[in-house]
Every structure is written in C-alpha cells, then in structure tokens.
Amino acid sequence: MDKRKISLADLYKEKMQQLSPGRQLIQDLMDATGRSEVTVRLWISGKFKPEPIIQNIIADTLGVDAASLFPINEHQ
C-alpha cells in the first residue's frame, strides 16, 4: 500500500479544517432538517423539542428511535 505524501504542516491544516464529532452532529442535523444551528442546539439542550415529523427525520438520520431521543418529560 502506498503511503500519502504530505507535509506535517499540511496534514495539520487538513485536520484543523475537519469538524469535531459534536460539530459534525450539529451540521448533520441542520442539513437533514433545514433548521438553524441555534434551533438544533436548543433541541440538544432539551429546552425545546422539534415537532414530531422533524423528530422522525432526526431519528432516521441518526438511526436511533425517536422516542429515546426525545423522551416525554413528566415535569414539563
């Protein structure tokens, strides 16, 4: 197998342009739902829940059950 030929400085620049896993999750949810970063962050924080159709889009995007992503909180 041939190894890549890249300088350490260029490799560093390449890695710095990549999104962190958390930031990538936010971007993926923004792309899937068409909602803003602020809205996605509000969902993640639990301050707001997306409407049911958006919950299903998020669940499909992540491959996770919607009910587990957005559990019903009896204290709300």
C-alpha atoms as a PDB file:
ATOM      1  CA  MET A   1       0.000   0.000   0.000  1.00  0.00           C
ATOM      2  CA  ASP A   2       1.347   3.410  -0.949  1.00  0.00           C
ATOM      3  CA  LYS A   3       1.552   5.956   1.820  1.00  0.00           C
ATOM      4  CA  ARG A   4       0.373   9.517   1.406  1.00  0.00           C
ATOM      5  CA  LYS A   5       2.956  12.154   0.724  1.00  0.00           C
ATOM      6  CA  ILE A   6       2.066  15.234   2.737  1.00  0.00           C
ATOM      7  CA  SER A   7       3.991  17.599   4.969  1.00  0.00           C
ATOM      8  CA  LEU A   8       3.236  17.693   8.662  1.00  0.00           C
ATOM      9  CA  ALA A   9       2.144  21.328   8.331  1.00  0.00           C
ATOM     10  CA  ASP A  10      -0.283  20.470   5.516  1.00  0.00           C
ATOM     11  CA  LEU A  11      -1.614  17.475   7.446  1.00  0.00           C
ATOM     12  CA  TYR A  12      -2.220  19.741  10.433  1.00  0.00           C
ATOM     13  CA  LYS A  13      -4.076  22.279   8.262  1.00  0.00           C
ATOM     14  CA  GLU A  14      -6.170  19.477   6.786  1.00  0.00           C
ATOM     15  CA  LYS A  15      -7.100  18.150  10.231  1.00  0.00           C
ATOM     16  CA  MET A  16      -7.940  21.636  11.534  1.00  0.00           C
ATOM     17  CA  GLN A  17     -10.490  22.063   8.743  1.00  0.00           C
ATOM     18  CA  GLN A  18     -12.379  18.938   9.807  1.00  0.00           C
ATOM     19  CA  LEU A  19     -15.322  19.313  12.144  1.00  0.00           C
ATOM     20  CA  SER A  20     -15.263  17.851  15.635  1.00  0.00           C
ATOM     21  CA  PRO A  21     -17.696  14.952  16.148  1.00  0.00           C
ATOM     22  CA  GLY A  22     -20.099  17.181  18.092  1.00  0.00           C
ATOM     23  CA  ARG A  23     -19.961  19.928  15.497  1.00  0.00           C
ATOM     24  CA  GLN A  24     -20.457  17.333  12.758  1.00  0.00           C
ATOM     25  CA  LEU A  25     -23.596  16.087  14.523  1.00  0.00           C
ATOM     26  CA  ILE A  26     -24.985  19.621  14.628  1.00  0.00           C
ATOM     27  CA  GLN A  27     -24.176  20.118  10.948  1.00  0.00           C
ATOM     28  CA  ASP A  28     -25.784  16.789  10.018  1.00  0.00           C
ATOM     29  CA  LEU A  29     -28.972  17.720  11.877  1.00  0.00           C
ATOM     30  CA  MET A  30     -29.026  21.170  10.288  1.00  0.00           C
ATOM     31  CA  ASP A  31     -28.651  19.588   6.848  1.00  0.00           C
ATOM     32  CA  ALA A  32     -31.307  16.940   7.472  1.00  0.00           C
ATOM     33  CA  THR A  33     -33.915  19.276   8.953  1.00  0.00           C
ATOM     34  CA  GLY A  34     -33.186  22.607   7.297  1.00  0.00           C
ATOM     35  CA  ARG A  35     -33.135  24.246  10.732  1.00  0.00           C
ATOM     36  CA  SER A  36     -30.603  26.706  12.137  1.00  0.00           C
ATOM     37  CA  GLU A  37     -27.693  25.917  14.420  1.00  0.00           C
ATOM     38  CA  VAL A  38     -29.435  27.771  17.253  1.00  0.00           C
ATOM     39  CA  THR A  39     -32.526  25.588  16.858  1.00  0.00           C
ATOM     40  CA  VAL A  40     -30.501  22.367  16.789  1.00  0.00           C
ATOM     41  CA  ARG A  41     -28.603  23.435  19.908  1.00  0.00           C
ATOM     42  CA  LEU A  42     -31.907  24.139  21.675  1.00  0.00           C
ATOM     43  CA  TRP A  43     -33.047  20.602  20.844  1.00  0.00           C
ATOM     44  CA  ILE A  44     -29.786  19.151  22.127  1.00  0.00           C
ATOM     45  CA  SER A  45     -30.039  21.146  25.360  1.00  0.00           C
ATOM     46  CA  GLY A  46     -33.586  19.884  25.886  1.00  0.00           C
ATOM     47  CA  LYS A  47     -35.023  23.410  26.044  1.00  0.00           C
ATOM     48  CA  PHE A  48     -37.195  22.710  23.025  1.00  0.00           C
ATOM     49  CA  LYS A  49     -38.409  19.617  21.215  1.00  0.00           C
ATOM     50  CA  PRO A  50     -38.825  19.526  17.467  1.00  0.00           C
ATOM     51  CA  GLU A  51     -42.245  18.792  16.041  1.00  0.00           C
ATOM     52  CA  PRO A  52     -42.966  15.062  15.546  1.00  0.00           C
ATOM     53  CA  ILE A  53     -42.185  14.976  11.815  1.00  0.00           C
ATOM     54  CA  ILE A  54     -38.784  16.569  12.480  1.00  0.00           C
ATOM     55  CA  GLN A  55     -38.195  14.130  15.344  1.00  0.00           C
ATOM     56  CA  ASN A  56     -38.687  11.304  12.841  1.00  0.00           C
ATOM     57  CA  ILE A  57     -36.280  12.907  10.360  1.00  0.00           C
ATOM     58  CA  ILE A  58     -33.671  13.229  13.106  1.00  0.00           C
ATOM     59  CA  ALA A  59     -34.237   9.641  14.234  1.00  0.00           C
ATOM     60  CA  ASP A  60     -33.862   8.360  10.663  1.00  0.00           C
ATOM     61  CA  THR A  61     -30.730  10.458  10.127  1.00  0.00           C
ATOM     62  CA  LEU A  62     -29.108   9.110  13.285  1.00  0.00           C
ATOM     63  CA  GLY A  63     -30.508   5.587  13.124  1.00  0.00           C
ATOM     64  CA  VAL A  64     -31.966   5.944  16.606  1.00  0.00           C
ATOM     65  CA  ASP A  65     -35.505   5.518  17.943  1.00  0.00           C
ATOM     66  CA  ALA A  66     -37.268   8.910  18.125  1.00  0.00           C
ATOM     67  CA  ALA A  67     -38.848   8.106  21.492  1.00  0.00           C
ATOM     68  CA  SER A  68     -35.436   7.564  23.049  1.00  0.00           C
ATOM     69  CA  LEU A  69     -34.064  10.769  21.506  1.00  0.00           C
ATOM     70  CA  PHE A  70     -36.962  12.852  22.787  1.00  0.00           C
ATOM     71  CA  PRO A  71     -38.384  11.162  25.899  1.00  0.00           C
ATOM     72  CA  ILE A  72     -41.565  12.540  27.415  1.00  0.00           C
ATOM     73  CA  ASN A  73     -40.668  14.567  30.473  1.00  0.00           C
ATOM     74  CA  GLU A  74     -43.486  14.489  33.007  1.00  0.00           C
ATOM     75  CA  HIS A  75     -42.186  17.676  34.660  1.00  0.00           C
ATOM     76  CA  GLN A  76     -42.714  19.926  31.635  1.00  0.00           C
END
